[in-house]
Amino acid sequence: MTACALHAGSGLVYGQSDPGIPHELEGVEIQENLNVELPLDTLFTDHSGKTIEFGDLFNGERPVLLQIGYFKCPQLCNLVLNEMTETIRDIEWTTGKEFDVVSISINPDETHELAAAKRTSYVLMYDRRKSGNGWHFLTGSAESSQAIADSVGFKYRLQPDGEYAHAAGLFVITPDGRLSRYLYGASHAPGTMRLALLEASDGRIGSTLDRFILWCHVYDPDSRSYVLLAVRLMQVGGYLTLLILLAGLGWMWLSERRKNDSSDGESTSPSDGLIHGVER
């Protein structure tokens, strides 16, 4: 419990040694492996007791929020899942429709019955109709959980007291099973999580406006959020300036054309037209 609590308070380790961290937390970190393909053939047991491949949870349409921990974790895992659930409640997209949530236990002794109870508690906390199909809580062998954890760079260690020291964070996975984004820490702003899911979906979810907003932003690892990209703003400003210029030129051309047409009409004499139209 101490290891979990300390690591929650100190944030995450980005693959750099810190002489100030406790000994039990040394090497407990997240090492970025962006765009890596997760081992989708890894076997797990779902909350119903059915053996599945990890890839069965990816349908090629929805991105996935992946959390790695263990269900009897006394503090940090519950904090991450609680904060995640509160955040996605503030997003209009729904699990099972626009995205899925997957939680993997690193403790091989935990059972699918425990996973089912944990899943039920979070589906109830999420409190949104027809969302249960988007929640997946998995147990399995130590080798299975280690395979997924290693692929995303999630390092952890079993402590003498039977608890696990590990970091806090979420992993945003593309619909085809590639690691798209890390969300570090226990809590995240709804806007950040929304943009991360939109980015991972590669246009499969969200509106045209959503995709335009994402195009104007870039993820900043220092602030752990998406920030406006100045170059994109300059491009948008350039496009708007060009459109205004073209609209102004078009208006001037039309005005000049109307003026010329009016002048031509006034220069034509009615008597001339009558004389030319009568046979002599």
C-alpha atoms as a PDB file:
ATOM      1  CA  MET A   1       0.000   0.000   0.000  1.00  0.00           C
ATOM      2  CA  THR A   2       2.886   2.342   0.808  1.00  0.00           C
ATOM      3  CA  ALA A   3       4.455   1.840  -2.583  1.00  0.00           C
ATOM      4  CA  CYS A   4       1.200   2.585  -4.378  1.00  0.00           C
ATOM      5  CA  ALA A   5       0.474   5.662  -2.305  1.00  0.00           C
ATOM      6  CA  LEU A   6       3.961   7.082  -2.730  1.00  0.00           C
ATOM      7  CA  HIS A   7       3.925   6.588  -6.450  1.00  0.00           C
ATOM      8  CA  ALA A   8       0.542   8.191  -6.781  1.00  0.00           C
ATOM      9  CA  GLY A   9       1.809  11.279  -5.030  1.00  0.00           C
ATOM     10  CA  SER A  10       5.102  11.510  -6.878  1.00  0.00           C
ATOM     11  CA  GLY A  11       3.603  11.033 -10.313  1.00  0.00           C
ATOM     12  CA  LEU A  12       5.211   8.871 -12.939  1.00  0.00           C
ATOM     13  CA  VAL A  13       8.771   8.080 -13.790  1.00  0.00           C
ATOM     14  CA  TYR A  14       9.647   8.650 -17.436  1.00  0.00           C
ATOM     15  CA  GLY A  15      12.487   6.171 -17.676  1.00  0.00           C
ATOM     16  CA  GLN A  16      14.856   8.446 -15.726  1.00  0.00           C
ATOM     17  CA  SER A  17      16.507   7.598 -12.444  1.00  0.00           C
ATOM     18  CA  ASP A  18      15.579   9.774  -9.470  1.00  0.00           C
ATOM     19  CA  PRO A  19      17.803   9.532  -6.385  1.00  0.00           C
ATOM     20  CA  GLY A  20      14.931  10.833  -4.261  1.00  0.00           C
ATOM     21  CA  ILE A  21      12.507   7.951  -4.815  1.00  0.00           C
ATOM     22  CA  PRO A  22      12.160   5.120  -2.280  1.00  0.00           C
ATOM     23  CA  HIS A  23      14.048   1.898  -2.951  1.00  0.00           C
ATOM     24  CA  GLU A  24      10.856  -0.115  -3.490  1.00  0.00           C
ATOM     25  CA  LEU A  25       9.931   2.199  -6.375  1.00  0.00           C
ATOM     26  CA  GLU A  26      13.212   1.954  -8.270  1.00  0.00           C
ATOM     27  CA  GLY A  27      12.568   0.736 -11.796  1.00  0.00           C
ATOM     28  CA  VAL A  28       8.818   1.149 -11.369  1.00  0.00           C
ATOM     29  CA  GLU A  29       8.089   3.420 -14.284  1.00  0.00           C
ATOM     30  CA  ILE A  30       6.414   3.870 -17.625  1.00  0.00           C
ATOM     31  CA  GLN A  31       8.687   3.797 -20.670  1.00  0.00           C
ATOM     32  CA  GLU A  32       7.070   5.163 -23.797  1.00  0.00           C
ATOM     33  CA  ASN A  33       6.584   2.837 -26.763  1.00  0.00           C
ATOM     34  CA  LEU A  34       4.282   4.937 -28.910  1.00  0.00           C
ATOM     35  CA  ASN A  35       2.754   3.264 -31.968  1.00  0.00           C
ATOM     36  CA  VAL A  36       3.820  -0.211 -30.837  1.00  0.00           C
ATOM     37  CA  GLU A  37       1.412  -3.012 -31.731  1.00  0.00           C
ATOM     38  CA  LEU A  38       0.161  -4.826 -28.653  1.00  0.00           C
ATOM     39  CA  PRO A  39       0.293  -8.654 -28.615  1.00  0.00           C
ATOM     40  CA  LEU A  40      -3.320  -9.266 -29.600  1.00  0.00           C
ATOM     41  CA  ASP A  41      -3.014 -13.063 -29.419  1.00  0.00           C
ATOM     42  CA  THR A  42      -2.420 -12.935 -25.629  1.00  0.00           C
ATOM     43  CA  LEU A  43      -4.936 -15.062 -23.730  1.00  0.00           C
ATOM     44  CA  PHE A  44      -7.054 -13.756 -20.848  1.00  0.00           C
ATOM     45  CA  THR A  45     -10.180 -14.684 -18.906  1.00  0.00           C
ATOM     46  CA  ASP A  46     -13.008 -12.162 -19.112  1.00  0.00           C
ATOM     47  CA  HIS A  47     -15.467 -11.323 -16.334  1.00  0.00           C
ATOM     48  CA  SER A  48     -17.780 -14.176 -17.362  1.00  0.00           C
ATOM     49  CA  GLY A  49     -15.044 -16.800 -17.088  1.00  0.00           C
ATOM     50  CA  LYS A  50     -14.600 -17.153 -20.856  1.00  0.00           C
ATOM     51  CA  THR A  51     -11.100 -17.488 -22.306  1.00  0.00           C
ATOM     52  CA  ILE A  52     -10.495 -14.835 -24.961  1.00  0.00           C
ATOM     53  CA  GLU A  53      -7.671 -13.379 -26.988  1.00  0.00           C
ATOM     54  CA  PHE A  54      -6.834  -9.780 -26.206  1.00  0.00           C
ATOM     55  CA  GLY A  55      -7.481  -8.952 -29.857  1.00  0.00           C
ATOM     56  CA  ASP A  56     -11.115 -10.037 -29.493  1.00  0.00           C
ATOM     57  CA  LEU A  57     -11.729  -6.698 -27.774  1.00  0.00           C
ATOM     58  CA  PHE A  58     -10.650  -4.705 -30.827  1.00  0.00           C
ATOM     59  CA  ASN A  59     -13.208  -4.480 -33.610  1.00  0.00           C
ATOM     60  CA  GLY A  60     -11.364  -2.027 -35.814  1.00  0.00           C
ATOM     61  CA  GLU A  61     -13.931   0.691 -35.102  1.00  0.00           C
ATOM     62  CA  ARG A  62     -13.503   1.913 -31.517  1.00  0.00           C
ATOM     63  CA  PRO A  63     -10.422   3.092 -29.589  1.00  0.00           C
ATOM     64  CA  VAL A  64      -9.739   1.619 -26.143  1.00  0.00           C
ATOM     65  CA  LEU A  65      -8.826   3.144 -22.787  1.00  0.00           C
ATOM     66  CA  LEU A  66      -6.497   0.594 -21.171  1.00  0.00           C
ATOM     67  CA  GLN A  67      -5.775   0.522 -17.445  1.00  0.00           C
ATOM     68  CA  ILE A  68      -3.274  -1.911 -15.919  1.00  0.00           C
ATOM     69  CA  GLY A  69      -3.205  -2.694 -12.195  1.00  0.00           C
ATOM     70  CA  TYR A  70      -4.925  -5.207  -9.955  1.00  0.00           C
ATOM     71  CA  PHE A  71      -8.406  -5.430  -8.523  1.00  0.00           C
ATOM     72  CA  LYS A  72      -7.426  -5.749  -4.840  1.00  0.00           C
ATOM     73  CA  CYS A  73      -5.070  -2.786  -5.048  1.00  0.00           C
ATOM     74  CA  PRO A  74      -5.646  -0.898  -1.783  1.00  0.00           C
ATOM     75  CA  GLN A  75      -5.391   2.603  -3.212  1.00  0.00           C
ATOM     76  CA  LEU A  76      -3.820   3.629  -6.534  1.00  0.00           C
ATOM     77  CA  CYS A  77      -5.737   1.420  -9.002  1.00  0.00           C
ATOM     78  CA  ASN A  78      -9.068   2.418  -7.491  1.00  0.00           C
ATOM     79  CA  LEU A  79      -8.030   6.068  -7.673  1.00  0.00           C
ATOM     80  CA  VAL A  80      -7.130   5.762 -11.368  1.00  0.00           C
ATOM     81  CA  LEU A  81     -10.354   3.934 -12.238  1.00  0.00           C
ATOM     82  CA  ASN A  82     -12.517   6.268 -10.149  1.00  0.00           C
ATOM     83  CA  GLU A  83     -11.027   9.371 -11.736  1.00  0.00           C
ATOM     84  CA  MET A  84     -11.255   7.849 -15.212  1.00  0.00           C
ATOM     85  CA  THR A  85     -14.928   6.991 -14.710  1.00  0.00           C
ATOM     86  CA  GLU A  86     -15.750  10.480 -13.465  1.00  0.00           C
ATOM     87  CA  THR A  87     -13.951  11.976 -16.453  1.00  0.00           C
ATOM     88  CA  ILE A  88     -15.662   9.889 -19.119  1.00  0.00           C
ATOM     89  CA  ARG A  89     -19.019  10.705 -17.528  1.00  0.00           C
ATOM     90  CA  ASP A  90     -18.320  14.281 -18.606  1.00  0.00           C
ATOM     91  CA  ILE A  91     -17.757  13.194 -22.229  1.00  0.00           C
ATOM     92  CA  GLU A  92     -20.828  12.772 -24.431  1.00  0.00           C
ATOM     93  CA  TRP A  93     -19.424   9.632 -26.072  1.00  0.00           C
ATOM     94  CA  THR A  94     -20.496   6.300 -24.605  1.00  0.00           C
ATOM     95  CA  THR A  95     -18.563   3.127 -23.854  1.00  0.00           C
ATOM     96  CA  GLY A  96     -19.498   0.322 -26.210  1.00  0.00           C
ATOM     97  CA  LYS A  97     -20.451   2.839 -28.887  1.00  0.00           C
ATOM     98  CA  GLU A  98     -17.584   5.296 -29.436  1.00  0.00           C
ATOM     99  CA  PHE A  99     -14.885   3.677 -27.254  1.00  0.00           C
ATOM    100  CA  ASP A 100     -14.216   0.797 -24.843  1.00  0.00           C
ATOM    101  CA  VAL A 101     -12.595   0.480 -21.411  1.00  0.00           C
ATOM    102  CA  VAL A 102     -10.289  -2.442 -20.619  1.00  0.00           C
ATOM    103  CA  SER A 103      -8.767  -3.148 -17.198  1.00  0.00           C
ATOM    104  CA  ILE A 104      -6.125  -5.881 -16.834  1.00  0.00           C
ATOM    105  CA  SER A 105      -5.057  -7.414 -13.530  1.00  0.00           C
ATOM    106  CA  ILE A 106      -1.336  -8.056 -13.078  1.00  0.00           C
ATOM    107  CA  ASN A 107      -2.072 -10.382 -10.153  1.00  0.00           C
ATOM    108  CA  PRO A 108      -2.371 -13.968 -11.476  1.00  0.00           C
ATOM    109  CA  ASP A 109      -4.189 -15.049  -8.307  1.00  0.00           C
ATOM    110  CA  GLU A 110      -7.205 -12.830  -8.935  1.00  0.00           C
ATOM    111  CA  THR A 111     -10.296 -14.559 -10.310  1.00  0.00           C
ATOM    112  CA  HIS A 112     -12.878 -13.707 -12.942  1.00  0.00           C
ATOM    113  CA  GLU A 113     -15.502 -13.490 -10.167  1.00  0.00           C
ATOM    114  CA  LEU A 114     -13.515 -10.618  -8.650  1.00  0.00           C
ATOM    115  CA  ALA A 115     -13.201  -9.052 -12.113  1.00  0.00           C
ATOM    116  CA  ALA A 116     -16.976  -9.318 -12.580  1.00  0.00           C
ATOM    117  CA  ALA A 117     -17.669  -7.604  -9.257  1.00  0.00           C
ATOM    118  CA  LYS A 118     -15.210  -4.842 -10.067  1.00  0.00           C
ATOM    119  CA  ARG A 119     -16.700  -4.357 -13.529  1.00  0.00           C
ATOM    120  CA  THR A 120     -20.234  -4.141 -12.129  1.00  0.00           C
ATOM    121  CA  SER A 121     -19.226  -1.447  -9.644  1.00  0.00           C
ATOM    122  CA  TYR A 122     -17.784   0.761 -12.382  1.00  0.00           C
ATOM    123  CA  VAL A 123     -20.631   0.209 -14.829  1.00  0.00           C
ATOM    124  CA  LEU A 124     -22.963   1.366 -12.046  1.00  0.00           C
ATOM    125  CA  MET A 125     -20.724   4.338 -11.265  1.00  0.00           C
ATOM    126  CA  TYR A 126     -20.668   5.300 -14.958  1.00  0.00           C
ATOM    127  CA  ASP A 127     -24.458   5.174 -14.885  1.00  0.00           C
ATOM    128  CA  ARG A 128     -25.198   5.365 -18.597  1.00  0.00           C
ATOM    129  CA  ARG A 129     -27.727   3.232 -20.456  1.00  0.00           C
ATOM    130  CA  LYS A 130     -26.526   0.561 -22.878  1.00  0.00           C
ATOM    131  CA  SER A 131     -22.878   1.062 -21.948  1.00  0.00           C
ATOM    132  CA  GLY A 132     -22.041  -2.240 -20.247  1.00  0.00           C
ATOM    133  CA  ASN A 133     -20.760  -3.921 -23.407  1.00  0.00           C
ATOM    134  CA  GLY A 134     -17.923  -1.418 -23.486  1.00  0.00           C
ATOM    135  CA  TRP A 135     -16.411  -2.443 -20.123  1.00  0.00           C
ATOM    136  CA  HIS A 136     -13.953  -5.366 -19.983  1.00  0.00           C
ATOM    137  CA  PHE A 137     -12.156  -6.530 -16.827  1.00  0.00           C
ATOM    138  CA  LEU A 138      -9.602  -9.271 -17.473  1.00  0.00           C
ATOM    139  CA  THR A 139      -7.596 -11.738 -15.420  1.00  0.00           C
ATOM    140  CA  GLY A 140      -4.975 -14.211 -16.560  1.00  0.00           C
ATOM    141  CA  SER A 141      -1.557 -15.706 -16.067  1.00  0.00           C
ATOM    142  CA  ALA A 142       1.440 -13.683 -15.014  1.00  0.00           C
ATOM    143  CA  GLU A 143       2.853 -14.198 -18.505  1.00  0.00           C
ATOM    144  CA  SER A 144      -0.246 -12.761 -20.157  1.00  0.00           C
ATOM    145  CA  SER A 145      -0.411  -9.582 -18.085  1.00  0.00           C
ATOM    146  CA  GLN A 146       3.359  -9.179 -18.362  1.00  0.00           C
ATOM    147  CA  ALA A 147       3.173  -9.398 -22.155  1.00  0.00           C
ATOM    148  CA  ILE A 148       0.709  -6.489 -22.367  1.00  0.00           C
ATOM    149  CA  ALA A 149       2.519  -4.486 -19.689  1.00  0.00           C
ATOM    150  CA  ASP A 150       5.886  -4.895 -21.413  1.00  0.00           C
ATOM    151  CA  SER A 151       4.459  -3.847 -24.771  1.00  0.00           C
ATOM    152  CA  VAL A 152       3.216  -0.511 -23.392  1.00  0.00           C
ATOM    153  CA  GLY A 153       6.239   0.011 -21.123  1.00  0.00           C
ATOM    154  CA  PHE A 154       4.369  -0.430 -17.836  1.00  0.00           C
ATOM    155  CA  LYS A 155       6.869  -1.566 -15.165  1.00  0.00           C
ATOM    156  CA  TYR A 156       5.805  -2.984 -11.815  1.00  0.00           C
ATOM    157  CA  ARG A 157       7.195  -5.064  -8.962  1.00  0.00           C
ATOM    158  CA  LEU A 158       5.709  -7.471  -6.422  1.00  0.00           C
ATOM    159  CA  GLN A 159       6.531  -6.333  -2.873  1.00  0.00           C
ATOM    160  CA  PRO A 160       7.292  -8.581   0.121  1.00  0.00           C
ATOM    161  CA  ASP A 161       3.882  -7.775   1.607  1.00  0.00           C
ATOM    162  CA  GLY A 162       2.110  -9.160  -1.486  1.00  0.00           C
ATOM    163  CA  GLU A 163       1.171  -5.772  -2.923  1.00  0.00           C
ATOM    164  CA  TYR A 164       2.462  -4.401  -6.227  1.00  0.00           C
ATOM    165  CA  ALA A 165       4.415  -1.191  -6.744  1.00  0.00           C
ATOM    166  CA  HIS A 166       3.378   0.416  -9.998  1.00  0.00           C
ATOM    167  CA  ALA A 167       2.788   3.757 -11.679  1.00  0.00           C
ATOM    168  CA  ALA A 168      -0.461   5.577 -12.431  1.00  0.00           C
ATOM    169  CA  GLY A 169      -1.687   6.169 -15.954  1.00  0.00           C
ATOM    170  CA  LEU A 170      -3.922   5.173 -18.822  1.00  0.00           C
ATOM    171  CA  PHE A 171      -3.020   3.930 -22.284  1.00  0.00           C
ATOM    172  CA  VAL A 172      -5.047   4.978 -25.310  1.00  0.00           C
ATOM    173  CA  ILE A 173      -5.114   2.207 -27.919  1.00  0.00           C
ATOM    174  CA  THR A 174      -6.183   2.479 -31.563  1.00  0.00           C
ATOM    175  CA  PRO A 175      -9.020   0.312 -32.935  1.00  0.00           C
ATOM    176  CA  ASP A 176      -6.448  -1.984 -34.550  1.00  0.00           C
ATOM    177  CA  GLY A 177      -4.424  -2.452 -31.351  1.00  0.00           C
ATOM    178  CA  ARG A 178      -1.585   0.095 -31.527  1.00  0.00           C
ATOM    179  CA  LEU A 179      -0.516   2.354 -28.663  1.00  0.00           C
ATOM    180  CA  SER A 180      -1.567   5.898 -29.556  1.00  0.00           C
ATOM    181  CA  ARG A 181      -1.153   7.994 -26.411  1.00  0.00           C
ATOM    182  CA  TYR A 182      -0.138   7.901 -22.744  1.00  0.00           C
ATOM    183  CA  LEU A 183      -2.271   9.718 -20.193  1.00  0.00           C
ATOM    184  CA  TYR A 184      -0.016  10.096 -17.164  1.00  0.00           C
ATOM    185  CA  GLY A 185      -1.224  10.350 -13.592  1.00  0.00           C
ATOM    186  CA  ALA A 186      -4.519   9.520 -11.929  1.00  0.00           C
ATOM    187  CA  SER A 187      -6.725  12.381 -13.113  1.00  0.00           C
ATOM    188  CA  HIS A 188      -7.266  13.881 -16.552  1.00  0.00           C
ATOM    189  CA  ALA A 189      -9.325  16.734 -17.926  1.00  0.00           C
ATOM    190  CA  PRO A 190     -12.311  15.620 -20.036  1.00  0.00           C
ATOM    191  CA  GLY A 191     -11.026  17.679 -22.962  1.00  0.00           C
ATOM    192  CA  THR A 192      -7.653  15.931 -22.885  1.00  0.00           C
ATOM    193  CA  MET A 193      -9.185  12.462 -22.746  1.00  0.00           C
ATOM    194  CA  ARG A 194     -11.657  13.331 -25.499  1.00  0.00           C
ATOM    195  CA  LEU A 195      -8.905  14.522 -27.837  1.00  0.00           C
ATOM    196  CA  ALA A 196      -6.800  11.446 -27.018  1.00  0.00           C
ATOM    197  CA  LEU A 197      -9.674   9.131 -27.965  1.00  0.00           C
ATOM    198  CA  LEU A 198     -10.367  11.175 -31.095  1.00  0.00           C
ATOM    199  CA  GLU A 199      -6.694  11.004 -32.079  1.00  0.00           C
ATOM    200  CA  ALA A 200      -6.576   7.246 -31.534  1.00  0.00           C
ATOM    201  CA  SER A 201      -9.757   6.664 -33.531  1.00  0.00           C
ATOM    202  CA  ASP A 202      -8.179   8.162 -36.680  1.00  0.00           C
ATOM    203  CA  GLY A 203     -11.446   9.792 -37.684  1.00  0.00           C
ATOM    204  CA  ARG A 204     -13.727   6.862 -36.832  1.00  0.00           C
ATOM    205  CA  ILE A 205     -15.515   8.778 -34.082  1.00  0.00           C
ATOM    206  CA  GLY A 206     -16.405  12.432 -33.578  1.00  0.00           C
ATOM    207  CA  SER A 207     -17.666  15.122 -35.905  1.00  0.00           C
ATOM    208  CA  THR A 208     -15.905  17.172 -38.562  1.00  0.00           C
ATOM    209  CA  LEU A 209     -15.622  19.984 -36.020  1.00  0.00           C
ATOM    210  CA  ASP A 210     -13.996  17.576 -33.536  1.00  0.00           C
ATOM    211  CA  ARG A 211     -11.411  16.590 -36.133  1.00  0.00           C
ATOM    212  CA  PHE A 212     -10.738  20.231 -36.969  1.00  0.00           C
ATOM    213  CA  ILE A 213     -10.190  21.003 -33.269  1.00  0.00           C
ATOM    214  CA  LEU A 214      -7.785  18.055 -32.997  1.00  0.00           C
ATOM    215  CA  TRP A 215      -5.939  19.280 -36.119  1.00  0.00           C
ATOM    216  CA  CYS A 216      -5.350  22.594 -34.329  1.00  0.00           C
ATOM    217  CA  HIS A 217      -3.868  20.892 -31.244  1.00  0.00           C
ATOM    218  CA  VAL A 218      -0.788  18.860 -30.402  1.00  0.00           C
ATOM    219  CA  TYR A 219      -0.091  16.791 -27.277  1.00  0.00           C
ATOM    220  CA  ASP A 220       2.395  18.444 -24.911  1.00  0.00           C
ATOM    221  CA  PRO A 221       4.061  15.867 -22.620  1.00  0.00           C
ATOM    222  CA  ASP A 222       5.235  18.576 -20.213  1.00  0.00           C
ATOM    223  CA  SER A 223       1.740  19.849 -19.480  1.00  0.00           C
ATOM    224  CA  ARG A 224       0.235  16.370 -20.089  1.00  0.00           C
ATOM    225  CA  SER A 225      -2.476  17.917 -22.226  1.00  0.00           C
ATOM    226  CA  TYR A 226      -3.270  19.041 -25.755  1.00  0.00           C
ATOM    227  CA  VAL A 227      -2.250  22.611 -26.588  1.00  0.00           C
ATOM    228  CA  LEU A 228      -2.975  24.866 -29.542  1.00  0.00           C
ATOM    229  CA  LEU A 229      -0.373  24.576 -32.270  1.00  0.00           C
ATOM    230  CA  ALA A 230       0.756  28.049 -33.369  1.00  0.00           C
ATOM    231  CA  VAL A 231       1.636  26.894 -36.881  1.00  0.00           C
ATOM    232  CA  ARG A 232      -1.873  25.532 -37.386  1.00  0.00           C
ATOM    233  CA  LEU A 233      -3.389  28.798 -36.138  1.00  0.00           C
ATOM    234  CA  MET A 234      -1.211  30.683 -38.611  1.00  0.00           C
ATOM    235  CA  GLN A 235      -2.385  28.364 -41.390  1.00  0.00           C
ATOM    236  CA  VAL A 236      -6.023  28.925 -40.447  1.00  0.00           C
ATOM    237  CA  GLY A 237      -5.403  32.664 -40.347  1.00  0.00           C
ATOM    238  CA  GLY A 238      -3.792  32.506 -43.780  1.00  0.00           C
ATOM    239  CA  TYR A 239      -6.736  30.573 -45.220  1.00  0.00           C
ATOM    240  CA  LEU A 240      -9.217  33.051 -43.746  1.00  0.00           C
ATOM    241  CA  THR A 241      -7.236  35.991 -45.125  1.00  0.00           C
ATOM    242  CA  LEU A 242      -7.199  34.386 -48.575  1.00  0.00           C
ATOM    243  CA  LEU A 243     -10.942  33.737 -48.447  1.00  0.00           C
ATOM    244  CA  ILE A 244     -11.652  37.334 -47.411  1.00  0.00           C
ATOM    245  CA  LEU A 245      -9.392  38.604 -50.206  1.00  0.00           C
ATOM    246  CA  LEU A 246     -11.100  36.411 -52.801  1.00  0.00           C
ATOM    247  CA  ALA A 247     -14.534  37.447 -51.544  1.00  0.00           C
ATOM    248  CA  GLY A 248     -13.549  41.105 -51.769  1.00  0.00           C
ATOM    249  CA  LEU A 249     -12.182  40.721 -55.295  1.00  0.00           C
ATOM    250  CA  GLY A 250     -15.337  38.834 -56.316  1.00  0.00           C
ATOM    251  CA  TRP A 251     -17.565  41.571 -54.912  1.00  0.00           C
ATOM    252  CA  MET A 252     -15.565  44.270 -56.745  1.00  0.00           C
ATOM    253  CA  TRP A 253     -15.752  42.319 -60.021  1.00  0.00           C
ATOM    254  CA  LEU A 254     -19.517  41.882 -59.733  1.00  0.00           C
ATOM    255  CA  SER A 255     -20.005  45.549 -58.848  1.00  0.00           C
ATOM    256  CA  GLU A 256     -17.945  46.653 -61.857  1.00  0.00           C
ATOM    257  CA  ARG A 257     -19.852  44.276 -64.141  1.00  0.00           C
ATOM    258  CA  ARG A 258     -23.223  45.623 -62.984  1.00  0.00           C
ATOM    259  CA  LYS A 259     -21.990  49.176 -63.524  1.00  0.00           C
ATOM    260  CA  ASN A 260     -20.854  48.384 -67.076  1.00  0.00           C
ATOM    261  CA  ASP A 261     -24.150  46.636 -67.903  1.00  0.00           C
ATOM    262  CA  SER A 262     -26.069  49.670 -66.638  1.00  0.00           C
ATOM    263  CA  SER A 263     -23.953  52.050 -68.750  1.00  0.00           C
ATOM    264  CA  ASP A 264     -24.461  49.939 -71.883  1.00  0.00           C
ATOM    265  CA  GLY A 265     -28.249  50.012 -71.404  1.00  0.00           C
ATOM    266  CA  GLU A 266     -28.401  53.772 -71.034  1.00  0.00           C
ATOM    267  CA  SER A 267     -26.294  54.382 -74.206  1.00  0.00           C
ATOM    268  CA  THR A 268     -28.819  52.539 -76.464  1.00  0.00           C
ATOM    269  CA  SER A 269     -31.417  54.980 -78.002  1.00  0.00           C
ATOM    270  CA  PRO A 270     -35.061  53.755 -78.313  1.00  0.00           C
ATOM    271  CA  SER A 271     -35.551  55.666 -81.605  1.00  0.00           C
ATOM    272  CA  ASP A 272     -32.484  54.000 -83.063  1.00  0.00           C
ATOM    273  CA  GLY A 273     -33.933  50.669 -82.306  1.00  0.00           C
ATOM    274  CA  LEU A 274     -37.272  51.583 -83.926  1.00  0.00           C
ATOM    275  CA  ILE A 275     -35.690  52.906 -87.107  1.00  0.00           C
ATOM    276  CA  HIS A 276     -33.526  49.849 -87.456  1.00  0.00           C
ATOM    277  CA  GLY A 277     -36.561  47.643 -86.963  1.00  0.00           C
ATOM    278  CA  VAL A 278     -38.747  49.239 -89.714  1.00  0.00           C
ATOM    279  CA  GLU A 279     -38.433  48.427 -93.401  1.00  0.00           C
ATOM    280  CA  ARG A 280     -37.846  51.454 -95.652  1.00  0.00           C
END
